[in-house]
Amino acid sequence: MKKGILFLLLAGLLPLSGLRLVGAPDITGSWRMSSHRVDPARNAIADIYEHFKSTYGGCREDMGMTFNADGSVKVIPIKGCQNPLGALMMKAVMGSAAATTWQATDQKITLKDRKGNQQEYDLQVNGSTMTWGFDTKDKEGVVRHTVEFRKE
């Protein structure tokens, strides 16, 4: 289960490429992750992000992302987790997110890492809330992921 959580955190954060096309919502600026819900829940866990934070102990700050106008992304790790494994997992995320770029259209965000790997997510922005959606498939079927961020 821990490997699955790390994969989902990485899948939700990795590929990033920064260009906003005409008609796309303006997502430039800093955002903090507030949830990563899965439907249907897996192993009785409906919010992977809350599970991560509670498992790795009393984290002071939520993970953040800054989308720069030049297309670059800065990932801000979760800070102050009491369990050392949480810090190690965040270090792995940070290393993977280096040199990532983003691009947004009216309904999608595409993230591209330094190796050229890219991921595309459904994108919705409503005021100070940004939501990414994507599907994965496991042995039990299709899982819908909804990752929510709040603008700082």
C-alpha atoms as a PDB file:
ATOM      1  CA  MET A   1       0.000   0.000   0.000  1.00  0.00           C
ATOM      2  CA  LYS A   2       2.846   2.426   0.807  1.00  0.00           C
ATOM      3  CA  LYS A   3       4.350   1.889  -2.654  1.00  0.00           C
ATOM      4  CA  GLY A   4       0.927   2.616  -4.161  1.00  0.00           C
ATOM      5  CA  ILE A   5       0.634   5.867  -2.212  1.00  0.00           C
ATOM      6  CA  LEU A   6       4.106   6.996  -3.322  1.00  0.00           C
ATOM      7  CA  PHE A   7       3.243   6.133  -6.930  1.00  0.00           C
ATOM      8  CA  LEU A   8       0.032   8.150  -6.747  1.00  0.00           C
ATOM      9  CA  LEU A   9       1.790  11.117  -5.162  1.00  0.00           C
ATOM     10  CA  LEU A  10       4.442  10.992  -7.868  1.00  0.00           C
ATOM     11  CA  ALA A  11       1.930  10.450 -10.660  1.00  0.00           C
ATOM     12  CA  GLY A  12       0.012  13.456  -9.466  1.00  0.00           C
ATOM     13  CA  LEU A  13       3.095  15.648  -9.251  1.00  0.00           C
ATOM     14  CA  LEU A  14       5.706  14.623 -11.728  1.00  0.00           C
ATOM     15  CA  PRO A  15       5.290  15.795 -15.303  1.00  0.00           C
ATOM     16  CA  LEU A  16       5.073  19.617 -15.540  1.00  0.00           C
ATOM     17  CA  SER A  17       5.294  22.118 -18.646  1.00  0.00           C
ATOM     18  CA  GLY A  18       4.409  25.875 -18.313  1.00  0.00           C
ATOM     19  CA  LEU A  19       2.399  27.614 -20.956  1.00  0.00           C
ATOM     20  CA  ARG A  20      -1.122  28.952 -20.715  1.00  0.00           C
ATOM     21  CA  LEU A  21      -3.025  28.878 -23.988  1.00  0.00           C
ATOM     22  CA  VAL A  22      -5.726  31.376 -24.915  1.00  0.00           C
ATOM     23  CA  GLY A  23      -8.951  30.525 -23.081  1.00  0.00           C
ATOM     24  CA  ALA A  24      -7.139  28.525 -20.421  1.00  0.00           C
ATOM     25  CA  PRO A  25      -7.599  29.419 -16.753  1.00  0.00           C
ATOM     26  CA  ASP A  26      -4.749  31.390 -15.196  1.00  0.00           C
ATOM     27  CA  ILE A  27      -3.106  29.022 -12.730  1.00  0.00           C
ATOM     28  CA  THR A  28       0.141  30.928 -12.312  1.00  0.00           C
ATOM     29  CA  GLY A  29       1.087  31.416  -8.696  1.00  0.00           C
ATOM     30  CA  SER A  30       1.327  29.228  -5.614  1.00  0.00           C
ATOM     31  CA  TRP A  31      -1.114  26.460  -4.698  1.00  0.00           C
ATOM     32  CA  ARG A  32      -1.268  24.055  -1.739  1.00  0.00           C
ATOM     33  CA  MET A  33      -2.632  20.528  -2.074  1.00  0.00           C
ATOM     34  CA  SER A  34      -5.689  19.988   0.101  1.00  0.00           C
ATOM     35  CA  SER A  35      -6.818  16.487  -0.918  1.00  0.00           C
ATOM     36  CA  HIS A  36      -6.288  13.534  -3.269  1.00  0.00           C
ATOM     37  CA  ARG A  37      -9.531  11.587  -3.284  1.00  0.00           C
ATOM     38  CA  VAL A  38     -10.062   8.225  -4.970  1.00  0.00           C
ATOM     39  CA  ASP A  39     -13.375   6.756  -6.071  1.00  0.00           C
ATOM     40  CA  PRO A  40     -13.992   4.025  -5.252  1.00  0.00           C
ATOM     41  CA  ALA A  41     -11.912   4.049  -2.070  1.00  0.00           C
ATOM     42  CA  ARG A  42      -9.046   1.568  -1.909  1.00  0.00           C
ATOM     43  CA  ASN A  43      -8.292  -0.367   1.294  1.00  0.00           C
ATOM     44  CA  ALA A  44     -10.853   1.851   3.056  1.00  0.00           C
ATOM     45  CA  ILE A  45      -8.831   4.945   2.071  1.00  0.00           C
ATOM     46  CA  ALA A  46     -10.817   7.600   0.231  1.00  0.00           C
ATOM     47  CA  ASP A  47      -8.261  10.452   0.537  1.00  0.00           C
ATOM     48  CA  ILE A  48      -4.695   9.354  -0.188  1.00  0.00           C
ATOM     49  CA  TYR A  49      -3.201  12.706   0.788  1.00  0.00           C
ATOM     50  CA  GLU A  50      -4.838  12.792   4.221  1.00  0.00           C
ATOM     51  CA  HIS A  51      -3.800   9.166   4.727  1.00  0.00           C
ATOM     52  CA  PHE A  52      -0.189  10.032   3.854  1.00  0.00           C
ATOM     53  CA  LYS A  53      -0.145  12.949   6.295  1.00  0.00           C
ATOM     54  CA  SER A  54      -1.720  10.977   9.128  1.00  0.00           C
ATOM     55  CA  THR A  55       0.512   7.935   8.526  1.00  0.00           C
ATOM     56  CA  TYR A  56       3.706   9.987   8.490  1.00  0.00           C
ATOM     57  CA  GLY A  57       2.748  12.081  11.447  1.00  0.00           C
ATOM     58  CA  GLY A  58       1.563  15.588  12.083  1.00  0.00           C
ATOM     59  CA  CYS A  59       2.966  17.462   9.115  1.00  0.00           C
ATOM     60  CA  ARG A  60       3.107  21.257   9.681  1.00  0.00           C
ATOM     61  CA  GLU A  61       2.518  22.375   6.079  1.00  0.00           C
ATOM     62  CA  ASP A  62       0.785  20.957   3.033  1.00  0.00           C
ATOM     63  CA  MET A  63       2.668  20.178  -0.160  1.00  0.00           C
ATOM     64  CA  GLY A  64       2.637  23.077  -2.584  1.00  0.00           C
ATOM     65  CA  MET A  65       3.334  23.930  -6.196  1.00  0.00           C
ATOM     66  CA  THR A  66       4.207  27.234  -7.798  1.00  0.00           C
ATOM     67  CA  PHE A  67       3.337  27.533 -11.479  1.00  0.00           C
ATOM     68  CA  ASN A  68       5.572  30.223 -12.985  1.00  0.00           C
ATOM     69  CA  ALA A  69       4.602  32.260 -16.053  1.00  0.00           C
ATOM     70  CA  ASP A  70       7.716  30.977 -17.872  1.00  0.00           C
ATOM     71  CA  GLY A  71       6.339  27.416 -17.739  1.00  0.00           C
ATOM     72  CA  SER A  72       8.481  26.151 -14.905  1.00  0.00           C
ATOM     73  CA  VAL A  73       7.127  24.587 -11.730  1.00  0.00           C
ATOM     74  CA  LYS A  74       8.496  24.627  -8.222  1.00  0.00           C
ATOM     75  CA  VAL A  75       7.299  21.834  -5.936  1.00  0.00           C
ATOM     76  CA  ILE A  76       7.227  22.697  -2.231  1.00  0.00           C
ATOM     77  CA  PRO A  77       7.438  19.545  -0.090  1.00  0.00           C
ATOM     78  CA  ILE A  78       5.296  18.736   2.922  1.00  0.00           C
ATOM     79  CA  LYS A  79       7.166  20.128   5.909  1.00  0.00           C
ATOM     80  CA  GLY A  80       7.540  19.103   9.504  1.00  0.00           C
ATOM     81  CA  CYS A  81       6.363  15.479   9.331  1.00  0.00           C
ATOM     82  CA  GLN A  82       7.241  13.590  12.515  1.00  0.00           C
ATOM     83  CA  ASN A  83       7.980  10.241  10.838  1.00  0.00           C
ATOM     84  CA  PRO A  84      11.383  10.192   9.029  1.00  0.00           C
ATOM     85  CA  LEU A  85       9.960   7.980   6.248  1.00  0.00           C
ATOM     86  CA  GLY A  86       7.666  10.852   5.249  1.00  0.00           C
ATOM     87  CA  ALA A  87      10.697  13.110   4.786  1.00  0.00           C
ATOM     88  CA  LEU A  88      12.436  10.454   2.659  1.00  0.00           C
ATOM     89  CA  MET A  89       9.374  10.069   0.446  1.00  0.00           C
ATOM     90  CA  MET A  90       9.162  13.843  -0.034  1.00  0.00           C
ATOM     91  CA  LYS A  91      12.867  13.919  -0.973  1.00  0.00           C
ATOM     92  CA  ALA A  92      12.137  11.348  -3.720  1.00  0.00           C
ATOM     93  CA  VAL A  93       9.227  13.456  -4.994  1.00  0.00           C
ATOM     94  CA  MET A  94      11.388  16.580  -5.036  1.00  0.00           C
ATOM     95  CA  GLY A  95      14.149  14.885  -7.025  1.00  0.00           C
ATOM     96  CA  SER A  96      11.648  13.599  -9.574  1.00  0.00           C
ATOM     97  CA  ALA A  97       9.976  16.992  -9.970  1.00  0.00           C
ATOM     98  CA  ALA A  98      13.153  18.888 -10.869  1.00  0.00           C
ATOM     99  CA  ALA A  99      13.079  20.713 -14.217  1.00  0.00           C
ATOM    100  CA  THR A 100       9.374  20.095 -14.724  1.00  0.00           C
ATOM    101  CA  THR A 101       7.247  22.295 -16.966  1.00  0.00           C
ATOM    102  CA  TRP A 102       3.510  22.839 -17.410  1.00  0.00           C
ATOM    103  CA  GLN A 103       0.992  23.788 -20.072  1.00  0.00           C
ATOM    104  CA  ALA A 104      -2.721  24.493 -19.565  1.00  0.00           C
ATOM    105  CA  THR A 105      -5.670  24.588 -21.925  1.00  0.00           C
ATOM    106  CA  ASP A 106      -9.276  25.342 -21.021  1.00  0.00           C
ATOM    107  CA  GLN A 107      -9.867  21.803 -19.669  1.00  0.00           C
ATOM    108  CA  LYS A 108      -6.461  20.094 -19.376  1.00  0.00           C
ATOM    109  CA  ILE A 109      -3.102  20.544 -17.723  1.00  0.00           C
ATOM    110  CA  THR A 110      -0.061  18.770 -19.130  1.00  0.00           C
ATOM    111  CA  LEU A 111       3.049  18.260 -17.024  1.00  0.00           C
ATOM    112  CA  LYS A 112       6.378  17.310 -18.590  1.00  0.00           C
ATOM    113  CA  ASP A 113       9.521  16.195 -16.766  1.00  0.00           C
ATOM    114  CA  ARG A 114      13.123  16.729 -17.833  1.00  0.00           C
ATOM    115  CA  LYS A 115      13.199  13.318 -19.570  1.00  0.00           C
ATOM    116  CA  GLY A 116      10.241  14.252 -21.787  1.00  0.00           C
ATOM    117  CA  ASN A 117       7.710  12.097 -19.932  1.00  0.00           C
ATOM    118  CA  GLN A 118       4.382  13.834 -19.740  1.00  0.00           C
ATOM    119  CA  GLN A 119       1.058  13.391 -17.997  1.00  0.00           C
ATOM    120  CA  GLU A 120      -2.246  15.027 -18.828  1.00  0.00           C
ATOM    121  CA  TYR A 121      -4.961  15.730 -16.263  1.00  0.00           C
ATOM    122  CA  ASP A 122      -8.470  17.109 -16.455  1.00  0.00           C
ATOM    123  CA  LEU A 123      -8.364  20.672 -15.138  1.00  0.00           C
ATOM    124  CA  GLN A 124     -11.001  22.778 -13.407  1.00  0.00           C
ATOM    125  CA  VAL A 125     -10.459  26.117 -11.718  1.00  0.00           C
ATOM    126  CA  ASN A 126     -13.193  27.672  -9.620  1.00  0.00           C
ATOM    127  CA  GLY A 127     -12.089  30.788  -7.769  1.00  0.00           C
ATOM    128  CA  SER A 128      -9.265  29.812  -5.428  1.00  0.00           C
ATOM    129  CA  THR A 129      -9.724  26.051  -5.966  1.00  0.00           C
ATOM    130  CA  MET A 130      -7.964  24.079  -8.706  1.00  0.00           C
ATOM    131  CA  THR A 131      -8.902  20.439  -9.337  1.00  0.00           C
ATOM    132  CA  TRP A 132      -7.052  17.833 -11.386  1.00  0.00           C
ATOM    133  CA  GLY A 133      -8.745  14.592 -12.402  1.00  0.00           C
ATOM    134  CA  PHE A 134      -7.397  11.380 -13.876  1.00  0.00           C
ATOM    135  CA  ASP A 135      -8.171   7.664 -13.995  1.00  0.00           C
ATOM    136  CA  THR A 136      -5.981   4.687 -13.172  1.00  0.00           C
ATOM    137  CA  LYS A 137      -6.724   1.009 -13.468  1.00  0.00           C
ATOM    138  CA  ASP A 138      -5.900  -1.663 -10.932  1.00  0.00           C
ATOM    139  CA  LYS A 139      -6.915  -5.308 -10.457  1.00  0.00           C
ATOM    140  CA  GLU A 140     -10.267  -4.186  -9.039  1.00  0.00           C
ATOM    141  CA  GLY A 141     -11.129  -1.834 -11.914  1.00  0.00           C
ATOM    142  CA  VAL A 142     -10.958   1.849 -12.808  1.00  0.00           C
ATOM    143  CA  VAL A 143     -10.211   4.376 -10.066  1.00  0.00           C
ATOM    144  CA  ARG A 144     -11.051   8.075 -10.455  1.00  0.00           C
ATOM    145  CA  HIS A 145      -8.549  10.424  -8.804  1.00  0.00           C
ATOM    146  CA  THR A 146      -9.464  13.982  -7.872  1.00  0.00           C
ATOM    147  CA  VAL A 147      -6.591  16.135  -6.610  1.00  0.00           C
ATOM    148  CA  GLU A 148      -7.557  19.483  -5.129  1.00  0.00           C
ATOM    149  CA  PHE A 149      -5.349  22.534  -4.574  1.00  0.00           C
ATOM    150  CA  ARG A 150      -6.078  25.870  -2.855  1.00  0.00           C
ATOM    151  CA  LYS A 151      -4.496  29.107  -4.084  1.00  0.00           C
ATOM    152  CA  GLU A 152      -2.227  30.821  -1.576  1.00  0.00           C
END
